[in-house]
Amino acid sequence: MAAVLAELTPWPEDGSRPDGPVAVDATDRLLLDEAAPLLTTAGPGDVVIVGDRFGALALGALTLGPGEVRTSTDAVTAEAALRHHLGEPLMAAVRGDRDEVDVKGFDHLEPGLFDGARLVLLQLPSSLAELTEIAEAIAREAADDVTVLAGGRVKHMTRSMNEVLAASFTDVRASLARQKSRVLVATGVRPEAREAAASFPARAVLRDDELLAAATPAGGAPPESVTVAAHGGTFAGPALDLGTRFLLTTADKWPTADRVHDALDLGSGTGLLATVLALRYPEARVVGTDRSAAAVASTRATAEANGAGRRVVVVRGDAGEGLEPASLDLILLNPPFHDRAAVRTDAAHRMFVAAGRALRQGGELWCVFNTALHYRQALTRAVGPTVHIMQNPKFTVTRSRRR
């Protein structure tokens, strides 16, 4: 196994940066070591891996015994990294003298992912809601004797994670820490969890004045409400986050309907902005895109809940990759700026570049961001002339027009 893991890279990212990602971290290694006795006796269909970042868990597990593992990852980049590492000659080393080994990929926690599973390896998510959704899905579908090994960095782990797992499993304990990582071990599916209805996507009916005004078409009546649907891994959950609300207050300054034929919610999250675009511009083609499988599923569910499911096209992609050049008239963007506790603006800058490429001449990018991040110059370089529309101590809204 060590030889296989040594060949992994943080593809497609540059692993040479001191603060950059590593392909195999201490949590991956601890999870595999804790799982080793179960992996050596596992059969086809026994093992499911959730949250594998670069393929270390899937490939490490395969080298230890099972001829097949099932995987589900939230980030599209993680899926791409796993596909990259499934190529030869690395897979030849994983296969050894066996005829075949297989990795089956599943969409976001789709039904059947955990069917009959006896061992689940999980990189702990930062969101308790996401952990709840995963734990509930395991409890509904996995074998009665399933063992869940959920690993994370000690500094990111909380007692609440134990409590979330304990709601679905009768026995939850923690391993000894090693290299600042620890594994939570959950066994014994609770009978009530086996029969419980899924809690996700969670839904809420919103009647925020700013939201309803922004969703009102020209000359039309405002909707009575807007429903938001959110899977566990989506930012802000089933609510209207403060940054999005601040952006919506500028809707009266957005382009008029006769100028918007194609619009985009870039980094769509729960899909609230995509749904607002579809309701405000009923003749426009609307696209929502996000790197997260949970966000894509949430965007689709929110659009459908508001009668816009047929008009909102939802695409999974990293930072707007794959958008057709010069194809859009209006883009709304509330970019991410955190990776756990750290402030990271890489994704925002890649989104700015993608927006500049995808806008038609004269098309507009409306962006809301934390005022302290000072994105105006970056937006001008990537898109075109950028002006401040509104600002308060916490948020800034800008309009960038494609040259």
Protein backbone atom coordinates (compact mmCIF):
# COMPACT_ATOMS: atom_id res chain seq x y z
CA MET A 1 0.00 0.00 0.00
CA ALA A 2 2.77 2.45 0.87
CA ALA A 3 4.20 2.27 -2.65
CA VAL A 4 0.81 3.06 -4.19
CA LEU A 5 0.14 6.00 -1.88
CA ALA A 6 3.58 7.42 -2.58
CA GLU A 7 2.63 7.81 -6.25
CA LEU A 8 -0.43 9.96 -5.61
CA THR A 9 -0.29 13.68 -6.33
CA PRO A 10 -2.71 16.51 -5.42
CA TRP A 11 -3.84 16.51 -9.06
CA PRO A 12 -4.63 18.83 -10.74
CA GLU A 13 -3.36 21.32 -8.15
CA ASP A 14 0.25 22.33 -7.70
CA GLY A 15 1.52 20.42 -4.69
CA SER A 16 4.75 22.41 -4.50
CA ARG A 17 3.15 25.32 -2.62
CA PRO A 18 4.02 25.28 1.08
CA ASP A 19 0.36 25.92 1.99
CA GLY A 20 -1.02 23.74 -0.79
CA PRO A 21 -2.83 20.41 -0.45
CA VAL A 22 -1.14 17.05 -0.01
CA ALA A 23 -2.36 13.95 -1.80
CA VAL A 24 -2.19 11.68 1.26
CA ASP A 25 -2.49 13.21 4.71
CA ALA A 26 -2.29 11.83 8.23
CA THR A 27 -6.06 11.30 8.38
CA ASP A 28 -6.00 9.15 5.23
CA ARG A 29 -3.24 6.99 6.68
CA LEU A 30 -4.93 6.63 10.07
CA LEU A 31 -8.25 5.69 8.46
CA LEU A 32 -6.59 3.01 6.35
CA ASP A 33 -4.68 1.62 9.32
CA GLU A 34 -7.84 1.48 11.45
CA ALA A 35 -9.73 -0.16 8.58
CA ALA A 36 -7.04 -2.69 7.61
CA PRO A 37 -8.42 -5.70 9.60
CA LEU A 38 -11.86 -5.20 8.03
CA LEU A 39 -10.56 -4.49 4.54
CA THR A 40 -8.57 -7.72 4.34
CA THR A 41 -11.78 -9.74 4.80
CA ALA A 42 -14.14 -7.48 2.83
CA GLY A 43 -15.93 -8.76 -0.22
CA PRO A 44 -17.48 -7.07 -3.26
CA GLY A 45 -20.03 -4.47 -2.24
CA ASP A 46 -18.84 -4.28 1.37
CA VAL A 47 -16.84 -1.04 1.24
CA VAL A 48 -18.02 2.53 0.63
CA ILE A 49 -15.80 5.61 0.72
CA VAL A 50 -17.16 9.13 1.15
CA GLY A 51 -15.20 12.36 0.82
CA ASP A 52 -12.00 10.94 -0.70
CA ARG A 53 -10.05 14.02 -1.82
CA PHE A 54 -7.41 12.64 -4.20
CA GLY A 55 -8.08 8.90 -4.22
CA ALA A 56 -5.88 7.83 -1.30
CA LEU A 57 -8.70 6.05 0.53
CA ALA A 58 -10.07 4.25 -2.53
CA LEU A 59 -6.70 3.09 -3.85
CA GLY A 60 -5.35 2.32 -0.38
CA ALA A 61 -8.42 0.23 0.42
CA LEU A 62 -8.18 -1.70 -2.85
CA THR A 63 -4.58 -2.67 -2.17
CA LEU A 64 -5.63 -4.19 1.17
CA GLY A 65 -8.15 -6.67 -0.15
CA PRO A 66 -11.57 -5.85 -1.58
CA GLY A 67 -11.92 -6.17 -5.33
CA GLU A 68 -14.43 -3.34 -5.45
CA VAL A 69 -15.19 -0.12 -3.59
CA ARG A 70 -18.00 2.38 -4.01
CA THR A 71 -17.20 6.09 -3.77
CA SER A 72 -19.01 9.39 -3.51
CA THR A 73 -17.29 12.77 -3.38
CA ASP A 74 -18.78 16.24 -3.15
CA ALA A 75 -16.16 18.26 -5.05
CA VAL A 76 -15.93 17.72 -8.80
CA THR A 77 -12.17 18.22 -8.52
CA ALA A 78 -11.95 15.22 -6.17
CA GLU A 79 -13.78 13.09 -8.72
CA ALA A 80 -11.36 14.24 -11.42
CA ALA A 81 -8.36 13.40 -9.21
CA LEU A 82 -9.70 9.91 -8.54
CA ARG A 83 -10.31 9.27 -12.25
CA HIS A 84 -6.78 10.49 -12.98
CA HIS A 85 -5.26 8.10 -10.45
CA LEU A 86 -7.29 5.16 -11.74
CA GLY A 87 -5.16 5.10 -14.87
CA GLU A 88 -2.24 2.82 -15.57
CA PRO A 89 0.43 2.06 -14.42
CA LEU A 90 -0.78 2.93 -10.89
CA MET A 91 -3.79 0.62 -11.16
CA ALA A 92 -1.50 -2.26 -12.14
CA ALA A 93 0.22 -1.90 -8.77
CA VAL A 94 -3.16 -1.76 -7.02
CA ARG A 95 -4.41 -4.83 -8.88
CA GLY A 96 -1.39 -7.01 -8.12
CA ASP A 97 -2.06 -10.62 -9.10
CA ARG A 98 -5.86 -10.21 -9.08
CA ASP A 99 -7.81 -10.36 -12.32
CA GLU A 100 -9.64 -7.10 -11.75
CA VAL A 101 -10.40 -4.39 -9.23
CA ASP A 102 -13.10 -1.77 -9.62
CA VAL A 103 -14.13 1.64 -8.29
CA LYS A 104 -17.82 2.44 -8.72
CA GLY A 105 -18.67 6.13 -8.56
CA PHE A 106 -22.01 7.38 -7.25
CA ASP A 107 -23.62 10.80 -7.47
CA HIS A 108 -24.28 12.80 -4.31
CA LEU A 109 -25.48 10.30 -1.69
CA GLU A 110 -27.84 8.79 -4.25
CA PRO A 111 -30.03 5.85 -3.20
CA GLY A 112 -28.08 2.62 -3.33
CA LEU A 113 -24.72 4.08 -2.42
CA PHE A 114 -24.68 2.31 0.96
CA ASP A 115 -26.81 -0.74 0.08
CA GLY A 116 -25.52 -3.66 2.15
CA ALA A 117 -22.28 -1.88 3.06
CA ARG A 118 -20.34 -3.35 5.97
CA LEU A 119 -17.55 -0.75 6.12
CA VAL A 120 -17.72 2.99 5.42
CA LEU A 121 -14.61 5.18 5.34
CA LEU A 122 -15.37 8.86 5.68
CA GLN A 123 -13.34 12.05 5.70
CA LEU A 124 -15.30 14.10 8.23
CA PRO A 125 -16.99 17.11 6.62
CA SER A 126 -16.83 20.48 8.35
CA SER A 127 -20.62 20.82 8.29
CA LEU A 128 -22.66 19.00 10.94
CA ALA A 129 -25.62 19.05 8.54
CA GLU A 130 -23.57 17.22 5.92
CA LEU A 131 -22.43 14.65 8.50
CA THR A 132 -26.06 14.19 9.56
CA GLU A 133 -27.16 13.55 5.98
CA ILE A 134 -24.38 10.99 5.48
CA ALA A 135 -25.05 9.21 8.79
CA GLU A 136 -28.77 9.00 8.08
CA ALA A 137 -28.16 7.54 4.62
CA ILE A 138 -25.79 4.89 6.03
CA ALA A 139 -28.30 3.95 8.73
CA ARG A 140 -31.10 3.54 6.18
CA GLU A 141 -29.20 1.38 3.70
CA ALA A 142 -26.11 -0.32 5.17
CA ALA A 143 -25.89 -3.77 6.72
CA ASP A 144 -26.80 -4.16 10.38
CA ASP A 145 -23.16 -4.89 11.23
CA VAL A 146 -21.75 -1.87 9.37
CA THR A 147 -18.71 -0.12 10.83
CA VAL A 148 -18.28 3.58 10.11
CA LEU A 149 -14.77 5.03 10.38
CA ALA A 150 -14.91 8.83 10.21
CA GLY A 151 -11.56 10.59 10.31
CA GLY A 152 -10.48 14.18 10.65
CA ARG A 153 -7.91 16.59 11.98
CA VAL A 154 -8.28 16.95 15.74
CA LYS A 155 -8.44 20.76 15.52
CA HIS A 156 -11.50 20.52 13.27
CA MET A 157 -13.35 17.88 15.31
CA THR A 158 -16.00 18.68 17.90
CA ARG A 159 -18.07 16.73 20.42
CA SER A 160 -21.11 17.58 18.28
CA MET A 161 -19.79 15.19 15.61
CA ASN A 162 -19.99 12.32 18.12
CA GLU A 163 -23.55 13.38 18.95
CA VAL A 164 -24.56 13.43 15.28
CA LEU A 165 -23.25 9.89 14.78
CA ALA A 166 -24.85 8.76 18.05
CA ALA A 167 -28.27 9.76 16.71
CA SER A 168 -27.95 6.98 14.09
CA PHE A 169 -25.64 4.46 15.82
CA THR A 170 -25.69 2.88 19.27
CA ASP A 171 -21.91 2.87 19.84
CA VAL A 172 -19.62 5.77 19.01
CA ARG A 173 -16.04 5.94 20.24
CA ALA A 174 -12.86 7.78 19.32
CA SER A 175 -9.52 6.26 18.39
CA LEU A 176 -6.27 7.43 19.86
CA ALA A 177 -4.93 10.52 18.14
CA ARG A 178 -1.98 10.18 15.79
CA GLN A 179 -0.18 13.01 13.99
CA LYS A 180 -2.99 15.37 15.02
CA SER A 181 -5.67 13.15 13.45
CA ARG A 182 -8.32 10.98 15.03
CA VAL A 183 -10.99 8.51 13.89
CA LEU A 184 -14.54 8.21 15.21
CA VAL A 185 -15.82 4.62 15.10
CA ALA A 186 -19.60 4.12 14.87
CA THR A 187 -21.36 0.75 14.98
CA GLY A 188 -24.83 -0.62 15.71
CA VAL A 189 -27.51 0.94 13.53
CA ARG A 190 -30.36 2.26 15.65
CA PRO A 191 -33.69 0.67 14.59
CA GLU A 192 -35.44 4.04 14.62
CA ALA A 193 -32.73 5.48 12.33
CA ARG A 194 -33.23 2.58 9.92
CA GLU A 195 -36.89 3.55 9.49
CA ALA A 196 -36.62 7.34 9.73
CA ALA A 197 -37.45 9.58 6.78
CA ALA A 198 -34.57 11.51 5.25
CA SER A 199 -34.01 14.97 6.75
CA PHE A 200 -32.48 16.32 3.54
CA PRO A 201 -32.87 18.25 1.45
CA ALA A 202 -34.11 20.56 4.19
CA ARG A 203 -36.65 23.12 3.00
CA ALA A 204 -37.73 26.56 4.16
CA VAL A 205 -40.30 29.04 2.86
CA LEU A 206 -38.79 32.54 2.68
CA ARG A 207 -40.76 35.79 2.56
CA ASP A 208 -37.88 38.25 2.77
CA ASP A 209 -38.86 41.59 1.19
CA GLU A 210 -35.55 41.92 -0.68
CA LEU A 211 -35.84 38.38 -2.02
CA LEU A 212 -39.43 38.78 -3.22
CA ALA A 213 -38.71 42.14 -4.84
CA ALA A 214 -35.70 40.74 -6.71
CA ALA A 215 -37.78 37.78 -7.94
CA THR A 216 -40.51 40.01 -9.38
CA PRO A 217 -40.62 40.24 -13.20
CA ALA A 218 -41.02 43.65 -14.84
CA GLY A 219 -44.68 44.61 -14.78
CA GLY A 220 -45.59 41.47 -12.85
CA ALA A 221 -46.70 40.63 -9.33
CA PRO A 222 -44.16 39.51 -6.73
CA PRO A 223 -44.28 35.88 -5.63
CA GLU A 224 -45.88 35.25 -2.24
CA SER A 225 -42.76 33.35 -1.15
CA VAL A 226 -39.66 31.57 -2.39
CA THR A 227 -38.83 28.06 -1.21
CA VAL A 228 -35.20 27.07 -0.68
CA ALA A 229 -34.02 23.46 -0.54
CA ALA A 230 -30.61 22.55 0.85
CA HIS A 231 -28.65 19.33 1.15
CA GLY A 232 -26.33 19.09 4.13
CA GLY A 233 -23.17 20.17 2.34
CA THR A 234 -24.46 23.49 1.00
CA PHE A 235 -23.39 26.85 2.43
CA ALA A 236 -25.98 28.61 4.64
CA GLY A 237 -28.45 25.73 4.49
CA PRO A 238 -32.15 26.48 3.87
CA ALA A 239 -31.82 30.20 4.54
CA LEU A 240 -30.99 33.50 2.88
CA ASP A 241 -27.38 34.32 3.79
CA LEU A 242 -26.42 37.91 4.50
CA GLY A 243 -24.19 38.35 1.45
CA THR A 244 -26.87 37.14 -0.95
CA ARG A 245 -29.47 39.36 0.75
CA PHE A 246 -27.18 42.38 0.28
CA LEU A 247 -26.76 41.56 -3.42
CA LEU A 248 -30.53 41.26 -3.83
CA THR A 249 -31.02 44.81 -2.56
CA THR A 250 -29.38 46.02 -5.79
CA ALA A 251 -31.77 44.13 -8.11
CA ASP A 252 -33.47 47.35 -9.24
CA LYS A 253 -30.16 48.31 -10.85
CA TRP A 254 -29.64 45.00 -12.70
CA PRO A 255 -30.07 44.99 -16.50
CA THR A 256 -33.62 45.19 -17.82
CA ALA A 257 -35.32 42.09 -19.19
CA ASP A 258 -34.83 43.11 -22.84
CA ARG A 259 -31.04 42.94 -22.29
CA VAL A 260 -30.95 39.55 -20.54
CA HIS A 261 -31.33 36.49 -22.76
CA ASP A 262 -28.83 34.24 -20.97
CA ALA A 263 -28.03 34.49 -17.25
CA LEU A 264 -25.86 32.55 -14.80
CA ASP A 265 -25.69 31.92 -11.06
CA LEU A 266 -21.96 31.21 -10.70
CA GLY A 267 -21.27 29.11 -7.59
CA SER A 268 -24.97 28.46 -7.17
CA GLY A 269 -25.04 26.88 -3.69
CA THR A 270 -28.69 26.33 -2.80
CA GLY A 271 -29.77 27.89 -6.11
CA LEU A 272 -31.55 30.90 -4.64
CA LEU A 273 -29.94 33.32 -7.09
CA ALA A 274 -30.59 30.99 -10.04
CA THR A 275 -34.24 30.82 -9.03
CA VAL A 276 -34.44 34.60 -8.62
CA LEU A 277 -33.01 35.01 -12.12
CA ALA A 278 -35.54 32.58 -13.57
CA LEU A 279 -38.45 34.35 -11.87
CA ARG A 280 -37.23 37.89 -12.64
CA TYR A 281 -36.36 37.16 -16.27
CA PRO A 282 -39.05 34.66 -17.39
CA GLU A 283 -37.89 34.70 -21.03
CA ALA A 284 -34.21 34.14 -20.27
CA ARG A 285 -32.20 30.94 -20.26
CA VAL A 286 -30.78 30.49 -16.75
CA VAL A 287 -27.82 28.33 -15.73
CA GLY A 288 -26.64 27.44 -12.23
CA THR A 289 -23.19 25.95 -11.78
CA ASP A 290 -21.19 24.76 -8.77
CA ARG A 291 -18.28 22.41 -8.03
CA SER A 292 -20.21 20.74 -5.20
CA ALA A 293 -22.51 17.79 -5.84
CA ALA A 294 -24.60 18.82 -2.81
CA ALA A 295 -24.96 22.33 -4.24
CA VAL A 296 -25.95 21.05 -7.69
CA ALA A 297 -28.63 18.83 -6.14
CA SER A 298 -29.81 21.73 -3.97
CA THR A 299 -29.95 24.17 -6.89
CA ARG A 300 -32.04 21.72 -8.88
CA ALA A 301 -34.38 21.11 -5.92
CA THR A 302 -34.82 24.85 -5.21
CA ALA A 303 -35.63 25.62 -8.84
CA GLU A 304 -38.17 22.80 -8.97
CA ALA A 305 -39.77 23.92 -5.68
CA ASN A 306 -40.47 27.32 -7.26
CA GLY A 307 -41.80 26.09 -10.58
CA ALA A 308 -38.58 26.94 -12.42
CA GLY A 309 -37.13 23.44 -12.75
CA ARG A 310 -37.52 23.34 -16.54
CA ARG A 311 -35.92 26.74 -17.02
CA VAL A 312 -32.83 26.39 -14.83
CA VAL A 313 -30.07 24.26 -16.31
CA VAL A 314 -27.77 23.00 -13.54
CA VAL A 315 -24.16 22.09 -14.32
CA ARG A 316 -21.43 20.73 -12.06
CA GLY A 317 -18.06 22.32 -12.76
CA ASP A 318 -15.13 23.92 -10.99
CA ALA A 319 -15.17 27.74 -10.84
CA GLY A 320 -17.16 28.09 -14.05
CA GLU A 321 -15.04 25.75 -16.16
CA GLY A 322 -16.71 24.66 -19.39
CA LEU A 323 -18.84 27.78 -19.82
CA GLU A 324 -19.18 28.71 -23.47
CA PRO A 325 -17.20 31.88 -24.29
CA ALA A 326 -19.22 35.06 -24.92
CA SER A 327 -22.51 33.31 -24.17
CA LEU A 328 -23.98 35.26 -21.22
CA ASP A 329 -25.54 38.65 -20.61
CA LEU A 330 -25.70 38.61 -16.81
CA ILE A 331 -23.81 36.73 -14.09
CA LEU A 332 -24.53 36.88 -10.34
CA LEU A 333 -21.72 35.79 -8.04
CA ASN A 334 -21.33 35.41 -4.28
CA PRO A 335 -17.89 33.74 -4.27
CA PRO A 336 -16.60 31.47 -1.51
CA PHE A 337 -13.71 32.74 0.55
CA HIS A 338 -13.15 30.12 3.25
CA ASP A 339 -11.53 26.70 3.32
CA ARG A 340 -12.48 25.59 6.83
CA ALA A 341 -11.02 28.28 9.12
CA ALA A 342 -8.58 29.69 6.56
CA VAL A 343 -9.34 32.59 4.24
CA ARG A 344 -8.72 31.36 0.68
CA THR A 345 -9.53 33.51 -2.34
CA ASP A 346 -8.18 31.24 -5.11
CA ALA A 347 -11.64 30.08 -6.20
CA ALA A 348 -12.96 33.65 -6.36
CA HIS A 349 -10.17 34.76 -8.69
CA ARG A 350 -10.73 31.75 -10.96
CA MET A 351 -14.44 32.60 -11.01
CA PHE A 352 -13.67 36.17 -12.05
CA VAL A 353 -11.61 34.90 -15.00
CA ALA A 354 -14.35 32.45 -16.00
CA ALA A 355 -16.96 35.21 -15.83
CA GLY A 356 -14.86 37.51 -18.01
CA ARG A 357 -14.53 34.78 -20.59
CA ALA A 358 -18.21 33.80 -20.56
CA LEU A 359 -19.78 37.27 -20.79
CA ARG A 360 -20.74 38.80 -24.08
CA GLN A 361 -19.45 42.26 -24.88
CA GLY A 362 -21.40 44.64 -22.64
CA GLY A 363 -22.52 41.79 -20.40
CA GLU A 364 -22.41 42.37 -16.65
CA LEU A 365 -21.06 40.54 -13.61
CA TRP A 366 -22.70 41.53 -10.31
CA CYS A 367 -20.58 40.35 -7.40
CA VAL A 368 -20.99 40.54 -3.63
CA PHE A 369 -17.99 39.94 -1.39
CA ASN A 370 -16.60 40.75 2.03
CA THR A 371 -15.54 44.39 1.97
CA ALA A 372 -12.15 43.59 3.50
CA LEU A 373 -11.16 41.51 0.45
CA HIS A 374 -10.86 44.50 -1.95
CA TYR A 375 -11.63 42.62 -5.17
CA ARG A 376 -12.29 45.64 -7.39
CA GLN A 377 -8.91 45.70 -9.15
CA ALA A 378 -8.98 41.93 -9.72
CA LEU A 379 -12.48 42.21 -11.22
CA THR A 380 -11.37 45.04 -13.51
CA ARG A 381 -8.45 42.95 -14.78
CA ALA A 382 -10.49 39.78 -15.28
CA VAL A 383 -13.76 41.20 -16.59
CA GLY A 384 -13.68 44.91 -17.35
CA PRO A 385 -14.48 48.32 -15.82
CA THR A 386 -15.79 47.76 -12.30
CA VAL A 387 -17.75 50.17 -10.12
CA HIS A 388 -18.92 49.99 -6.51
CA ILE A 389 -22.70 49.84 -6.40
CA MET A 390 -23.24 49.52 -2.67
CA GLN A 391 -21.10 48.97 0.39
CA ASN A 392 -21.41 48.58 4.13
CA PRO A 393 -18.77 47.61 6.71
CA LYS A 394 -19.26 43.91 5.95
CA PHE A 395 -20.18 43.57 2.25
CA THR A 396 -19.53 45.25 -1.09
CA VAL A 397 -21.51 44.86 -4.31
CA THR A 398 -19.78 45.65 -7.61
CA ARG A 399 -20.81 45.71 -11.25
CA SER A 400 -18.20 44.71 -13.83
CA ARG A 401 -18.97 45.24 -17.51
CA ARG A 402 -17.28 43.15 -20.20
CA ARG A 403 -15.14 45.24 -22.47
